[in-house]
């Protein structure tokens, strides 16, 4: 059958109405992911994984439905004559960079924004990792822009960003100074993180999780989970990165790890999949990196050579009295990381304890202790968040603190949700947390980001999938 262009009419397009053949319902790209797009995305991810297993060195990213050449041409105002790339002037790049910087903290930028901005327009074409991050920044700027003259570059920069990430990954192990390797690896990790959040925002969950997992794997392989470990022989050293040049670079590594871990924990909990980063006492699986400070703190401090950490997450989860954790930073990044951990733990422990009770498993007593311990941690955490005075923080920081507070209340709902019909205490805890979470949401700007798990995922975040 000859291909026919869809005219976009609703509820059925013209070619479908005129055809004598039986088609499926019309699918429109502005109505979220279609069934064909979802299937194509699944194929694309499988193709990519197969390519990795085969050890191919191609620098091209896996094909995705939104990057199909025909799809791009539909939005291409320069199909003949001047190419779209030729229209991207330095002035346009400067505007896009400004838009991105204005929203960087909202969408999860964890590197030092001043260093990024200073190097952005001086990045050479040969600096593949930095170009990957820069094109990802341009992508986000076109996505967030309200100007059509900038928004029509979105598909172009999506292709550029994905290709750049693939090329950047192939270049992070190339010879060079420890400083350049560190910058390259952190740039690619940041780009992968931003691409993941971009896909989540556009309801492309499969693609988002793929890039999120890649970012998490890169962070672990770079040793970002063992910064300041008691097992380390050198300050801030790892086989991939080497020692940091200054406190800012070490701060970038620390905030990078916690940002990615938080994103990973949130989305692992949302779809109730098994945790892929489990805190452990065993060397190699332990998380020793200290809690993150605000970036301004790293800017104004020197490296502290005698600061060491160990079992950061494990101690947090077992420290019911709060003695060990009393000296943790009071930064919004730390609060959000802790809330993400509680959310992930609540999802899995709540489900596990319910299943043990239903099946009368001999492990019920143990899961009951885990349940009670986590419930106490959530109570203490939400009480601490309630004592914070918002007026002492900027509006932007207030928003991130509110996101952490909101997520902690959702953790409580997740923990007790399966028991609301049997236990009055669980029912009351869910009601109280739901009211508190609703109050937090209603006080916030509905058009703003409040962490990586809101928006399209909010219904799944609050109420877990259960068989009940």
Foldseek 3Di string as FASTA:
>chain_A
DDDDDFPPDPPATDVCVPDPDDDDGDDDVVVADDPVQLVQLVVQVVVQVVCVVVVDLDLAHGDHPCLDPVNLVVLFPPPDDDHPVVPCDPVNLVQLLVQLLVCVVQLQNQADSVVLVVCQVVDDPVLLLNQLLSLLSLLVSLVPDPDPVSVSCNSVSVRVNRSSLSVLVSPLPPDDDLASSLVSLLSSLSSLSSVLLVCVQRVNNVSSVVSLVVSQVSLLQQVLQQAQAPPDPDHRQDPRRGRDPWLSSNLSSLLSNLSSLLLQLLVCLLQVPDRPQDDDPDPSRHGWRAQHARSVVSVPDTDDRPDHGTRRVVCLLQVLVCPVVPPHDPALSRLSSVLSSLLSLLQNLLVVLLVCVVVVPPCNVVSVVSLVSSVSSLVVSLVVLVPDDLVVDDPVRSLSSLLSNLSSLLSLCSNLVVCLVPDVVSVVSNVVSVVVNVVSVVVDDPVGRHGSQDDPNPVSSRDPDDPD
